[in-house]
C-alpha atoms as a PDB file:
ATOM      1  CA  MET A   1      56.392 -43.718  17.071  1.00  0.00           C
ATOM      2  CA  LYS A   2      58.084 -46.683  18.768  1.00  0.00           C
ATOM      3  CA  LYS A   3      54.781 -48.590  18.719  1.00  0.00           C
ATOM      4  CA  THR A   4      54.400 -47.953  14.993  1.00  0.00           C
ATOM      5  CA  ILE A   5      57.920 -49.183  14.246  1.00  0.00           C
ATOM      6  CA  GLY A   6      57.376 -52.194  16.487  1.00  0.00           C
ATOM      7  CA  PHE A   7      54.135 -53.001  14.692  1.00  0.00           C
ATOM      8  CA  ILE A   8      55.805 -52.739  11.282  1.00  0.00           C
ATOM      9  CA  VAL A   9      58.606 -55.055  12.428  1.00  0.00           C
ATOM     10  CA  PHE A  10      56.004 -57.503  13.757  1.00  0.00           C
ATOM     11  CA  LEU A  11      54.045 -57.465  10.467  1.00  0.00           C
ATOM     12  CA  THR A  12      57.236 -58.013   8.489  1.00  0.00           C
ATOM     13  CA  ALA A  13      58.172 -60.989  10.658  1.00  0.00           C
ATOM     14  CA  VAL A  14      54.705 -62.517  10.350  1.00  0.00           C
ATOM     15  CA  SER A  15      54.651 -61.966   6.584  1.00  0.00           C
ATOM     16  CA  THR A  16      58.059 -63.598   6.244  1.00  0.00           C
ATOM     17  CA  ALA A  17      56.916 -66.590   8.288  1.00  0.00           C
ATOM     18  CA  PHE A  18      53.848 -67.065   6.114  1.00  0.00           C
ATOM     19  CA  ALA A  19      55.869 -66.653   2.913  1.00  0.00           C
ATOM     20  CA  ALA A  20      58.257 -69.371   4.068  1.00  0.00           C
ATOM     21  CA  ALA A  21      55.309 -71.730   4.589  1.00  0.00           C
ATOM     22  CA  ASP A  22      53.891 -71.095   1.113  1.00  0.00           C
ATOM     23  CA  GLY A  23      56.196 -73.565  -0.642  1.00  0.00           C
ATOM     24  CA  ALA A  24      55.076 -76.423   1.567  1.00  0.00           C
ATOM     25  CA  ALA A  25      51.411 -75.487   1.156  1.00  0.00           C
ATOM     26  CA  LEU A  26      51.786 -75.188  -2.609  1.00  0.00           C
ATOM     27  CA  TYR A  27      53.551 -78.555  -2.807  1.00  0.00           C
ATOM     28  CA  ALA A  28      50.504 -80.290  -1.298  1.00  0.00           C
ATOM     29  CA  LYS A  29      48.883 -80.616  -4.736  1.00  0.00           C
ATOM     30  CA  CYS A  30      52.120 -82.005  -6.204  1.00  0.00           C
ATOM     31  CA  LYS A  31      52.372 -84.934  -3.777  1.00  0.00           C
ATOM     32  CA  GLY A  32      49.891 -87.113  -5.649  1.00  0.00           C
ATOM     33  CA  CYS A  33      52.184 -87.438  -8.656  1.00  0.00           C
ATOM     34  CA  HIS A  34      55.648 -86.586  -7.294  1.00  0.00           C
ATOM     35  CA  GLY A  35      55.361 -88.189  -3.842  1.00  0.00           C
ATOM     36  CA  ALA A  36      55.550 -86.629  -0.401  1.00  0.00           C
ATOM     37  CA  ASP A  37      59.308 -86.138  -0.694  1.00  0.00           C
ATOM     38  CA  GLY A  38      59.578 -85.582  -4.460  1.00  0.00           C
ATOM     39  CA  SER A  39      61.238 -88.948  -5.079  1.00  0.00           C
ATOM     40  CA  LYS A  40      58.506 -90.441  -7.276  1.00  0.00           C
ATOM     41  CA  LYS A  41      58.586 -90.302 -11.076  1.00  0.00           C
ATOM     42  CA  ALA A  42      55.297 -88.602 -11.902  1.00  0.00           C
ATOM     43  CA  LEU A  43      53.139 -90.834 -14.091  1.00  0.00           C
ATOM     44  CA  GLY A  44      56.199 -93.059 -14.384  1.00  0.00           C
ATOM     45  CA  VAL A  45      57.792 -90.717 -16.940  1.00  0.00           C
ATOM     46  CA  SER A  46      59.131 -87.621 -15.227  1.00  0.00           C
ATOM     47  CA  GLY A  47      62.462 -87.264 -13.547  1.00  0.00           C
ATOM     48  CA  VAL A  48      62.704 -87.164  -9.772  1.00  0.00           C
ATOM     49  CA  ILE A  49      62.321 -83.549  -8.654  1.00  0.00           C
ATOM     50  CA  LYS A  50      63.645 -84.034  -5.123  1.00  0.00           C
ATOM     51  CA  GLY A  51      66.754 -81.973  -4.467  1.00  0.00           C
ATOM     52  CA  GLN A  52      67.025 -80.365  -7.895  1.00  0.00           C
ATOM     53  CA  PRO A  53      68.433 -76.819  -7.848  1.00  0.00           C
ATOM     54  CA  ALA A  54      65.745 -74.203  -7.208  1.00  0.00           C
ATOM     55  CA  LYS A  55      66.722 -72.211 -10.302  1.00  0.00           C
ATOM     56  CA  ASP A  56      66.187 -75.283 -12.511  1.00  0.00           C
ATOM     57  CA  ILE A  57      62.815 -76.075 -10.951  1.00  0.00           C
ATOM     58  CA  GLU A  58      61.746 -72.445 -11.261  1.00  0.00           C
ATOM     59  CA  ALA A  59      62.728 -72.419 -14.945  1.00  0.00           C
ATOM     60  CA  ASP A  60      60.822 -75.663 -15.557  1.00  0.00           C
ATOM     61  CA  LEU A  61      57.677 -74.359 -13.847  1.00  0.00           C
ATOM     62  CA  LYS A  62      57.809 -71.126 -15.851  1.00  0.00           C
ATOM     63  CA  GLY A  63      58.290 -73.200 -18.997  1.00  0.00           C
ATOM     64  CA  TYR A  64      55.187 -75.248 -18.194  1.00  0.00           C
ATOM     65  CA  GLN A  65      53.225 -72.013 -17.714  1.00  0.00           C
ATOM     66  CA  ALA A  66      54.370 -70.972 -21.179  1.00  0.00           C
ATOM     67  CA  GLY A  67      53.192 -74.281 -22.679  1.00  0.00           C
ATOM     68  CA  GLU A  68      56.614 -75.879 -23.010  1.00  0.00           C
ATOM     69  CA  GLY A  69      57.694 -79.233 -21.635  1.00  0.00           C
ATOM     70  CA  GLY A  70      57.047 -82.135 -23.959  1.00  0.00           C
ATOM     71  CA  ALA A  71      54.654 -84.990 -23.169  1.00  0.00           C
ATOM     72  CA  LYS A  72      53.769 -83.841 -19.666  1.00  0.00           C
ATOM     73  CA  LYS A  73      53.238 -80.194 -20.546  1.00  0.00           C
ATOM     74  CA  ALA A  74      49.423 -80.335 -20.621  1.00  0.00           C
ATOM     75  CA  ILE A  75      49.154 -81.736 -17.101  1.00  0.00           C
ATOM     76  CA  MET A  76      51.819 -79.468 -15.662  1.00  0.00           C
ATOM     77  CA  GLN A  77      50.534 -76.401 -17.482  1.00  0.00           C
ATOM     78  CA  SER A  78      47.143 -76.800 -15.819  1.00  0.00           C
ATOM     79  CA  GLN A  79      48.806 -77.324 -12.421  1.00  0.00           C
ATOM     80  CA  VAL A  80      50.934 -74.165 -12.561  1.00  0.00           C
ATOM     81  CA  ALA A  81      48.731 -71.918 -14.698  1.00  0.00           C
ATOM     82  CA  LYS A  82      47.585 -69.668 -11.846  1.00  0.00           C
ATOM     83  CA  LEU A  83      50.818 -69.532  -9.840  1.00  0.00           C
ATOM     84  CA  THR A  84      52.367 -66.108  -9.375  1.00  0.00           C
ATOM     85  CA  PRO A  85      56.120 -65.608  -9.861  1.00  0.00           C
ATOM     86  CA  GLU A  86      56.464 -65.424  -6.066  1.00  0.00           C
ATOM     87  CA  GLU A  87      54.610 -68.717  -5.624  1.00  0.00           C
ATOM     88  CA  ILE A  88      56.759 -70.390  -8.269  1.00  0.00           C
ATOM     89  CA  LYS A  89      59.876 -69.188  -6.487  1.00  0.00           C
ATOM     90  CA  ALA A  90      58.605 -70.431  -3.101  1.00  0.00           C
ATOM     91  CA  LEU A  91      57.601 -73.793  -4.571  1.00  0.00           C
ATOM     92  CA  ALA A  92      60.935 -74.223  -6.356  1.00  0.00           C
ATOM     93  CA  ASP A  93      62.811 -73.345  -3.184  1.00  0.00           C
ATOM     94  CA  TYR A  94      60.759 -75.843  -1.159  1.00  0.00           C
ATOM     95  CA  ILE A  95      61.271 -78.672  -3.678  1.00  0.00           C
ATOM     96  CA  SER A  96      65.009 -78.014  -3.877  1.00  0.00           C
ATOM     97  CA  LYS A  97      65.259 -78.647  -0.130  1.00  0.00           C
ATOM     98  CA  LEU A  98      63.384 -81.950  -0.103  1.00  0.00           C
ATOM     99  CA  LYS A  99      65.552 -84.742   1.254  1.00  0.00           C
END
């Protein structure tokens, strides 16, 4: 019984560690337009995403998935189309912490 509980605790810890890394991994495809630290205006028109509140970034990403977002919506919609709600949350959290 103790081994089973220990194994479950171990799996939970490993899963949490991988989930925390997801935002950084997901951001890799964003770097080309937004810069390594999120301080670049994508295509010279977007706002800087670095340090924005996670809830705002999450709302923007969900909006792009829904086809909203003005001039840049087509590019962003294709970038976020396949992201799950959990991935969007992890990505938004990661971007909000960029310094």
